[in-house]
């Protein structure tokens, strides 16, 4: 499980360094093979270990929906999805197409989000987190009760 947040900088080639505390785990889990895609709702880039992404694909392929809407959603999802690999220094190249979609320039925030990460442009994250903090307590209360998370803040 990935938790916490990390402020990162993109280098001139568009690479980020995965925080050192996750590198060995990612090498063990997926040999450093990751998948980056686009989340149009939050305008961030989810980053999955390859094995987790493959599980997402299996679930999507199991859906019995031949509608045009579902096929188009799949098509667009795969269009925005890229395989990346950590180099020897723990860096991954964030594809230019995805950087442009989320206005990811120099400063970024990497959020541990359970079985995946989310990569945000710093300014977008600041906007999102400010509005999110205002609703956090209520969301936590209602969601934790419904999902029986077993803890309260």
N, C-alpha and C. Protein backbone atom coordinates (compact mmCIF):
# COMPACT_ATOMS: atom_id res chain seq x y z
N UNK A 1 0.84 -1.19 0.00
CA UNK A 1 0.00 0.00 0.00
C UNK A 1 0.88 1.24 0.00
N UNK A 2 0.48 2.21 -0.76
CA UNK A 2 1.23 3.46 -0.87
C UNK A 2 0.47 4.55 -0.13
N UNK A 3 1.17 5.29 0.71
CA UNK A 3 0.55 6.34 1.51
C UNK A 3 1.45 7.57 1.52
N UNK A 4 0.83 8.68 1.91
CA UNK A 4 1.59 9.91 2.09
C UNK A 4 1.71 10.72 0.81
N UNK A 5 2.43 11.83 0.94
CA UNK A 5 2.63 12.71 -0.21
C UNK A 5 4.09 13.12 -0.29
N UNK A 6 4.51 13.42 -1.50
CA UNK A 6 5.89 13.81 -1.76
C UNK A 6 5.89 14.93 -2.79
N UNK A 7 6.59 16.00 -2.50
CA UNK A 7 6.80 17.07 -3.48
C UNK A 7 7.97 16.67 -4.35
N UNK A 8 7.77 16.75 -5.65
CA UNK A 8 8.78 16.32 -6.62
C UNK A 8 9.00 17.41 -7.65
N UNK A 9 10.12 17.31 -8.33
CA UNK A 9 10.40 18.18 -9.47
C UNK A 9 10.62 17.34 -10.70
N UNK A 10 10.06 17.79 -11.82
CA UNK A 10 10.34 17.15 -13.09
C UNK A 10 11.66 17.68 -13.60
N UNK A 11 12.47 16.81 -14.18
CA UNK A 11 13.71 17.29 -14.77
C UNK A 11 13.43 17.79 -16.19
N UNK A 12 14.46 18.23 -16.88
CA UNK A 12 14.28 18.82 -18.21
C UNK A 12 13.69 17.85 -19.22
N UNK A 13 13.85 16.54 -18.99
CA UNK A 13 13.32 15.53 -19.90
C UNK A 13 11.90 15.09 -19.54
N UNK A 14 11.36 15.61 -18.43
CA UNK A 14 10.02 15.23 -18.02
C UNK A 14 9.98 14.01 -17.12
N UNK A 15 11.09 13.74 -16.44
CA UNK A 15 11.15 12.59 -15.54
C UNK A 15 10.92 13.02 -14.10
N UNK A 16 10.33 12.12 -13.32
CA UNK A 16 10.25 12.30 -11.87
C UNK A 16 10.98 11.15 -11.22
N UNK A 17 11.48 11.39 -10.03
CA UNK A 17 12.12 10.33 -9.25
C UNK A 17 11.10 9.78 -8.27
N UNK A 18 10.83 8.49 -8.38
CA UNK A 18 9.96 7.83 -7.41
C UNK A 18 10.67 7.90 -6.06
N UNK A 19 9.97 8.28 -4.99
CA UNK A 19 10.63 8.36 -3.68
C UNK A 19 11.34 7.06 -3.32
N UNK A 20 12.52 7.20 -2.74
CA UNK A 20 13.37 6.05 -2.43
C UNK A 20 12.66 4.99 -1.61
N UNK A 21 11.78 5.40 -0.71
CA UNK A 21 11.12 4.42 0.16
C UNK A 21 10.23 3.45 -0.60
N UNK A 22 9.85 3.76 -1.85
CA UNK A 22 8.98 2.88 -2.64
C UNK A 22 9.73 2.08 -3.70
N UNK A 23 10.94 2.45 -3.99
CA UNK A 23 11.63 1.87 -5.15
C UNK A 23 11.83 0.36 -5.03
N UNK A 24 12.33 -0.09 -3.91
CA UNK A 24 12.59 -1.52 -3.75
C UNK A 24 11.29 -2.32 -3.82
N UNK A 25 10.25 -1.81 -3.17
CA UNK A 25 8.95 -2.49 -3.21
C UNK A 25 8.45 -2.59 -4.65
N UNK A 26 8.60 -1.50 -5.43
CA UNK A 26 8.15 -1.53 -6.82
C UNK A 26 9.00 -2.49 -7.66
N UNK A 27 10.27 -2.57 -7.35
CA UNK A 27 11.10 -3.53 -8.09
C UNK A 27 10.68 -4.96 -7.77
N UNK A 28 10.33 -5.22 -6.51
CA UNK A 28 9.87 -6.55 -6.12
C UNK A 28 8.49 -6.86 -6.71
N UNK A 29 7.59 -5.90 -6.67
CA UNK A 29 6.21 -6.10 -7.14
C UNK A 29 6.11 -6.27 -8.65
N UNK A 30 6.85 -5.43 -9.36
CA UNK A 30 6.61 -5.37 -10.81
C UNK A 30 7.90 -5.11 -11.60
N UNK A 31 9.04 -5.36 -10.96
CA UNK A 31 10.33 -5.13 -11.62
C UNK A 31 10.47 -3.71 -12.15
N UNK A 32 9.82 -2.76 -11.45
CA UNK A 32 9.91 -1.35 -11.83
C UNK A 32 9.07 -0.98 -13.04
N UNK A 33 8.22 -1.90 -13.49
CA UNK A 33 7.35 -1.61 -14.63
C UNK A 33 6.05 -1.00 -14.10
N UNK A 34 5.75 0.20 -14.57
CA UNK A 34 4.59 0.96 -14.11
C UNK A 34 3.73 1.36 -15.28
N UNK A 35 2.51 1.77 -14.98
CA UNK A 35 1.58 2.24 -15.99
C UNK A 35 1.06 3.60 -15.54
N UNK A 36 1.13 4.58 -16.44
CA UNK A 36 0.63 5.93 -16.16
C UNK A 36 -0.56 6.17 -17.08
N UNK A 37 -1.63 6.72 -16.50
CA UNK A 37 -2.81 7.01 -17.29
C UNK A 37 -3.38 8.35 -16.86
N UNK A 38 -4.53 8.70 -17.37
CA UNK A 38 -5.14 10.01 -17.13
C UNK A 38 -6.46 9.84 -16.41
N UNK A 39 -6.67 10.61 -15.35
CA UNK A 39 -7.95 10.65 -14.64
C UNK A 39 -8.63 11.97 -15.04
N UNK A 40 -9.65 11.90 -15.90
CA UNK A 40 -10.29 13.14 -16.37
C UNK A 40 -11.12 13.84 -15.30
N UNK A 41 -11.53 13.13 -14.26
CA UNK A 41 -12.35 13.75 -13.21
C UNK A 41 -11.52 14.68 -12.34
N UNK A 42 -10.35 14.22 -11.93
CA UNK A 42 -9.51 15.00 -11.02
C UNK A 42 -8.37 15.72 -11.74
N UNK A 43 -8.16 15.40 -13.02
CA UNK A 43 -7.07 15.96 -13.80
C UNK A 43 -5.73 15.69 -13.13
N UNK A 44 -5.51 14.41 -12.83
CA UNK A 44 -4.23 13.95 -12.32
C UNK A 44 -3.84 12.70 -13.10
N UNK A 45 -2.65 12.18 -12.80
CA UNK A 45 -2.14 11.01 -13.49
C UNK A 45 -1.98 9.85 -12.52
N UNK A 46 -2.88 8.87 -12.54
CA UNK A 46 -2.68 7.68 -11.73
C UNK A 46 -1.48 6.89 -12.25
N UNK A 47 -0.69 6.37 -11.32
CA UNK A 47 0.47 5.55 -11.67
C UNK A 47 0.32 4.22 -10.95
N UNK A 48 0.20 3.14 -11.71
CA UNK A 48 -0.02 1.81 -11.17
C UNK A 48 1.22 0.94 -11.34
N UNK A 49 1.53 0.08 -10.36
CA UNK A 49 2.44 -1.03 -10.66
C UNK A 49 1.79 -1.86 -11.76
N UNK A 50 2.59 -2.40 -12.66
CA UNK A 50 2.03 -3.13 -13.80
C UNK A 50 1.03 -4.19 -13.37
N UNK A 51 1.33 -4.94 -12.34
CA UNK A 51 0.43 -6.02 -11.90
C UNK A 51 -0.93 -5.48 -11.46
N UNK A 52 -0.96 -4.33 -10.81
CA UNK A 52 -2.23 -3.72 -10.41
C UNK A 52 -3.01 -3.23 -11.63
N UNK A 53 -2.31 -2.65 -12.59
CA UNK A 53 -2.98 -2.21 -13.80
C UNK A 53 -3.57 -3.40 -14.55
N UNK A 54 -2.83 -4.49 -14.62
CA UNK A 54 -3.33 -5.67 -15.32
C UNK A 54 -4.60 -6.20 -14.65
N UNK A 55 -4.70 -6.08 -13.33
CA UNK A 55 -5.94 -6.46 -12.63
C UNK A 55 -7.09 -5.54 -13.05
N UNK A 56 -6.82 -4.25 -13.18
CA UNK A 56 -7.84 -3.31 -13.66
C UNK A 56 -8.31 -3.70 -15.06
N UNK A 57 -7.37 -4.07 -15.91
CA UNK A 57 -7.73 -4.48 -17.28
C UNK A 57 -8.59 -5.74 -17.26
N UNK A 58 -8.24 -6.70 -16.42
CA UNK A 58 -9.04 -7.93 -16.33
C UNK A 58 -10.48 -7.61 -15.92
N UNK A 59 -10.64 -6.72 -14.95
CA UNK A 59 -11.98 -6.35 -14.51
C UNK A 59 -12.75 -5.65 -15.63
N UNK A 60 -12.07 -4.79 -16.35
CA UNK A 60 -12.74 -4.06 -17.43
C UNK A 60 -13.13 -5.02 -18.56
N UNK A 61 -12.27 -5.96 -18.88
CA UNK A 61 -12.57 -6.92 -19.95
C UNK A 61 -13.70 -7.86 -19.56
N UNK A 62 -13.91 -8.07 -18.26
CA UNK A 62 -14.97 -8.96 -17.79
C UNK A 62 -16.35 -8.31 -17.85
N UNK A 63 -16.39 -7.01 -18.03
CA UNK A 63 -17.67 -6.31 -18.11
C UNK A 63 -18.35 -6.70 -19.42
N UNK A 64 -19.58 -7.13 -19.30
CA UNK A 64 -20.34 -7.52 -20.49
C UNK A 64 -21.15 -6.33 -20.96
N UNK A 65 -20.48 -5.45 -21.65
CA UNK A 65 -21.12 -4.24 -22.16
C UNK A 65 -20.57 -3.99 -23.55
N UNK A 66 -21.41 -4.14 -24.54
CA UNK A 66 -21.01 -3.93 -25.93
C UNK A 66 -21.47 -2.58 -26.46
N UNK A 67 -21.89 -1.69 -25.54
CA UNK A 67 -22.42 -0.41 -25.99
C UNK A 67 -21.32 0.47 -26.57
N UNK A 68 -21.74 1.38 -27.42
CA UNK A 68 -20.80 2.33 -28.03
C UNK A 68 -20.12 3.18 -26.95
N UNK A 69 -20.87 3.59 -25.93
CA UNK A 69 -20.30 4.41 -24.86
C UNK A 69 -19.18 3.67 -24.13
N UNK A 70 -19.40 2.41 -23.82
CA UNK A 70 -18.39 1.64 -23.10
C UNK A 70 -17.15 1.42 -23.98
N UNK A 71 -17.38 1.08 -25.23
CA UNK A 71 -16.24 0.90 -26.15
C UNK A 71 -15.43 2.18 -26.29
N UNK A 72 -16.11 3.31 -26.37
CA UNK A 72 -15.41 4.60 -26.49
C UNK A 72 -14.65 4.93 -25.22
N UNK A 73 -15.24 4.63 -24.07
CA UNK A 73 -14.55 4.85 -22.80
C UNK A 73 -13.28 4.00 -22.75
N UNK A 74 -13.37 2.73 -23.13
CA UNK A 74 -12.19 1.86 -23.16
C UNK A 74 -11.14 2.41 -24.12
N UNK A 75 -11.59 2.80 -25.29
CA UNK A 75 -10.67 3.31 -26.31
C UNK A 75 -9.89 4.51 -25.79
N UNK A 76 -10.61 5.45 -25.18
CA UNK A 76 -9.95 6.65 -24.66
C UNK A 76 -9.03 6.32 -23.49
N UNK A 77 -9.46 5.42 -22.64
CA UNK A 77 -8.60 5.02 -21.52
C UNK A 77 -7.30 4.43 -22.04
N UNK A 78 -7.37 3.53 -22.99
CA UNK A 78 -6.14 2.94 -23.53
C UNK A 78 -5.31 3.97 -24.30
N UNK A 79 -5.96 4.91 -24.93
CA UNK A 79 -5.24 5.97 -25.63
C UNK A 79 -4.35 6.75 -24.68
N UNK A 80 -4.85 7.02 -23.48
CA UNK A 80 -4.11 7.82 -22.51
C UNK A 80 -3.20 6.99 -21.60
N UNK A 81 -3.12 5.70 -21.82
CA UNK A 81 -2.36 4.82 -20.93
C UNK A 81 -1.01 4.48 -21.53
N UNK A 82 0.04 4.64 -20.71
CA UNK A 82 1.41 4.42 -21.17
C UNK A 82 2.18 3.54 -20.19
N UNK A 83 2.95 2.60 -20.74
CA UNK A 83 3.87 1.82 -19.93
C UNK A 83 5.13 2.63 -19.72
N UNK A 84 5.61 2.66 -18.49
CA UNK A 84 6.87 3.33 -18.18
C UNK A 84 7.69 2.39 -17.29
N UNK A 85 8.98 2.64 -17.23
CA UNK A 85 9.84 1.78 -16.43
C UNK A 85 10.80 2.64 -15.62
N UNK A 86 10.95 2.27 -14.35
CA UNK A 86 11.92 2.98 -13.51
C UNK A 86 13.32 2.68 -14.02
N UNK A 87 14.12 3.74 -14.11
CA UNK A 87 15.52 3.52 -14.49
C UNK A 87 16.33 3.17 -13.23
N UNK A 88 17.63 3.04 -13.38
CA UNK A 88 18.50 2.67 -12.27
C UNK A 88 18.50 3.68 -11.13
N UNK A 89 18.09 4.91 -11.42
CA UNK A 89 18.02 5.96 -10.39
C UNK A 89 16.61 6.13 -9.83
N UNK A 90 15.69 5.24 -10.20
CA UNK A 90 14.33 5.32 -9.70
C UNK A 90 13.46 6.36 -10.38
N UNK A 91 13.87 6.81 -11.57
CA UNK A 91 13.10 7.82 -12.29
C UNK A 91 12.20 7.16 -13.33
N UNK A 92 11.07 7.83 -13.60
CA UNK A 92 10.22 7.43 -14.71
C UNK A 92 10.00 8.65 -15.59
N UNK A 93 9.84 8.40 -16.86
CA UNK A 93 9.53 9.46 -17.81
C UNK A 93 8.02 9.59 -17.91
N UNK A 94 7.52 10.77 -17.58
CA UNK A 94 6.08 11.04 -17.70
C UNK A 94 5.84 11.51 -19.13
N UNK A 95 5.05 10.77 -19.89
CA UNK A 95 4.85 11.13 -21.30
C UNK A 95 4.36 12.57 -21.47
N UNK A 96 4.91 13.23 -22.47
CA UNK A 96 4.57 14.62 -22.77
C UNK A 96 3.07 14.83 -22.91
N UNK A 97 2.41 13.95 -23.62
CA UNK A 97 0.96 14.05 -23.82
C UNK A 97 0.24 14.15 -22.48
N UNK A 98 0.63 13.34 -21.51
CA UNK A 98 -0.03 13.35 -20.20
C UNK A 98 0.36 14.58 -19.39
N UNK A 99 1.60 15.00 -19.49
CA UNK A 99 2.03 16.21 -18.78
C UNK A 99 1.19 17.40 -19.24
N UNK A 100 0.95 17.50 -20.52
CA UNK A 100 0.16 18.61 -21.05
C UNK A 100 -1.29 18.55 -20.58
N UNK A 101 -1.86 17.36 -20.52
CA UNK A 101 -3.25 17.21 -20.10
C UNK A 101 -3.51 17.75 -18.70
N UNK A 102 -2.54 17.58 -17.81
CA UNK A 102 -2.75 17.98 -16.40
C UNK A 102 -1.92 19.20 -16.02
N UNK A 103 -1.39 19.90 -17.01
CA UNK A 103 -0.56 21.10 -16.76
C UNK A 103 0.57 20.81 -15.78
N UNK A 104 1.24 19.71 -16.02
CA UNK A 104 2.36 19.29 -15.17
C UNK A 104 3.63 19.89 -15.75
N UNK A 105 4.22 20.80 -15.01
CA UNK A 105 5.42 21.47 -15.50
C UNK A 105 6.60 21.10 -14.62
N UNK A 106 7.07 21.98 -13.80
CA UNK A 106 8.27 21.73 -13.00
C UNK A 106 7.97 21.05 -11.67
N UNK A 107 7.00 21.58 -10.93
CA UNK A 107 6.72 21.08 -9.59
C UNK A 107 5.51 20.15 -9.60
N UNK A 108 5.63 19.04 -8.88
CA UNK A 108 4.57 18.04 -8.84
C UNK A 108 4.39 17.53 -7.42
N UNK A 109 3.27 16.89 -7.20
CA UNK A 109 2.99 16.23 -5.92
C UNK A 109 2.59 14.79 -6.24
N UNK A 110 3.27 13.85 -5.59
CA UNK A 110 2.96 12.44 -5.74
C UNK A 110 2.24 11.98 -4.48
N UNK A 111 1.02 11.48 -4.65
CA UNK A 111 0.18 11.05 -3.54
C UNK A 111 0.12 9.53 -3.55
N UNK A 112 0.43 8.91 -2.41
CA UNK A 112 0.19 7.48 -2.27
C UNK A 112 -1.30 7.27 -2.13
N UNK A 113 -1.87 6.39 -2.95
CA UNK A 113 -3.34 6.23 -2.98
C UNK A 113 -3.66 4.73 -2.97
N UNK A 114 -3.26 4.07 -1.90
CA UNK A 114 -3.54 2.64 -1.79
C UNK A 114 -2.64 1.82 -2.68
N UNK A 115 -3.20 1.19 -3.70
CA UNK A 115 -2.44 0.32 -4.59
C UNK A 115 -1.82 1.06 -5.76
N UNK A 116 -2.02 2.37 -5.79
CA UNK A 116 -1.45 3.18 -6.88
C UNK A 116 -0.99 4.51 -6.31
N UNK A 117 -0.41 5.32 -7.18
CA UNK A 117 -0.05 6.70 -6.86
C UNK A 117 -0.92 7.61 -7.71
N UNK A 118 -0.97 8.87 -7.32
CA UNK A 118 -1.53 9.92 -8.18
C UNK A 118 -0.48 11.00 -8.30
N UNK A 119 -0.22 11.42 -9.52
CA UNK A 119 0.72 12.50 -9.78
C UNK A 119 -0.06 13.73 -10.19
N UNK A 120 0.16 14.82 -9.47
CA UNK A 120 -0.56 16.07 -9.68
C UNK A 120 0.43 17.18 -9.97
N UNK A 121 0.03 18.11 -10.83
CA UNK A 121 0.75 19.36 -10.93
C UNK A 121 0.58 20.09 -9.60
N UNK A 122 1.62 20.73 -9.12
CA UNK A 122 1.57 21.34 -7.79
C UNK A 122 0.41 22.33 -7.64
N UNK A 123 0.22 23.21 -8.61
CA UNK A 123 -0.85 24.21 -8.50
C UNK A 123 -2.23 23.55 -8.50
N UNK A 124 -2.41 22.55 -9.36
CA UNK A 124 -3.69 21.84 -9.40
C UNK A 124 -3.94 21.14 -8.07
N UNK A 125 -2.90 20.53 -7.48
CA UNK A 125 -3.05 19.85 -6.19
C UNK A 125 -3.42 20.86 -5.09
N UNK A 126 -2.78 22.01 -5.09
CA UNK A 126 -3.09 23.01 -4.07
C UNK A 126 -4.55 23.44 -4.16
N UNK A 127 -5.04 23.64 -5.36
CA UNK A 127 -6.46 24.01 -5.54
C UNK A 127 -7.37 22.88 -5.07
N UNK A 128 -7.06 21.68 -5.49
CA UNK A 128 -7.88 20.53 -5.15
C UNK A 128 -7.87 20.26 -3.65
N UNK A 129 -6.71 20.29 -3.05
CA UNK A 129 -6.62 19.95 -1.63
C UNK A 129 -7.28 21.01 -0.76
N UNK A 130 -7.23 22.25 -1.17
CA UNK A 130 -7.88 23.30 -0.39
C UNK A 130 -9.38 23.08 -0.35
N UNK A 131 -9.99 22.82 -1.50
CA UNK A 131 -11.43 22.57 -1.50
C UNK A 131 -11.75 21.24 -0.84
N UNK A 132 -10.85 20.26 -0.99
CA UNK A 132 -11.07 18.95 -0.38
C UNK A 132 -11.01 18.98 1.13
N UNK A 133 -10.14 19.77 1.70
CA UNK A 133 -10.04 19.87 3.17
C UNK A 133 -11.33 20.38 3.77
N UNK A 134 -11.99 21.27 3.05
CA UNK A 134 -13.23 21.85 3.56
C UNK A 134 -14.33 20.79 3.68
N UNK A 135 -14.27 19.75 2.88
CA UNK A 135 -15.31 18.71 2.88
C UNK A 135 -14.83 17.41 3.53
N UNK A 136 -13.57 17.34 3.92
CA UNK A 136 -12.95 16.10 4.38
C UNK A 136 -13.67 15.49 5.57
N UNK A 137 -13.94 16.27 6.60
CA UNK A 137 -14.54 15.72 7.82
C UNK A 137 -15.90 15.08 7.54
N UNK A 138 -16.73 15.76 6.77
CA UNK A 138 -18.05 15.20 6.48
C UNK A 138 -17.93 13.96 5.61
N UNK A 139 -17.08 13.99 4.62
CA UNK A 139 -16.91 12.82 3.76
C UNK A 139 -16.38 11.65 4.57
N UNK A 140 -15.42 11.91 5.43
CA UNK A 140 -14.83 10.84 6.23
C UNK A 140 -15.89 10.22 7.14
N UNK A 141 -16.72 11.06 7.76
CA UNK A 141 -17.74 10.56 8.67
C UNK A 141 -18.75 9.68 7.92
N UNK A 142 -19.28 10.16 6.84
CA UNK A 142 -20.31 9.40 6.15
C UNK A 142 -19.74 8.18 5.43
N UNK A 143 -18.59 8.30 4.84
CA UNK A 143 -18.00 7.16 4.13
C UNK A 143 -17.55 6.08 5.11
N UNK A 144 -16.91 6.47 6.20
CA UNK A 144 -16.41 5.46 7.13
C UNK A 144 -17.57 4.70 7.77
N UNK A 145 -18.68 5.37 8.02
CA UNK A 145 -19.84 4.67 8.57
C UNK A 145 -20.42 3.70 7.54
N UNK A 146 -20.54 4.14 6.31
CA UNK A 146 -21.11 3.27 5.27
C UNK A 146 -20.21 2.09 4.95
N UNK A 147 -18.93 2.31 4.94
CA UNK A 147 -17.98 1.26 4.54
C UNK A 147 -17.47 0.48 5.74
N UNK A 148 -17.87 0.84 6.93
CA UNK A 148 -17.43 0.15 8.15
C UNK A 148 -15.92 0.06 8.22
N UNK A 149 -15.27 1.21 8.06
CA UNK A 149 -13.82 1.24 8.09
C UNK A 149 -13.26 0.89 9.47
N UNK A 150 -14.06 1.06 10.49
CA UNK A 150 -13.62 0.64 11.80
C UNK A 150 -12.83 1.67 12.57
N UNK A 151 -12.79 2.87 12.11
CA UNK A 151 -12.12 3.92 12.89
C UNK A 151 -12.82 5.25 12.65
N UNK A 152 -12.64 6.11 13.62
CA UNK A 152 -13.17 7.46 13.52
C UNK A 152 -12.05 8.42 13.85
N UNK A 153 -12.13 9.59 13.27
CA UNK A 153 -11.13 10.62 13.58
C UNK A 153 -11.53 11.38 14.81
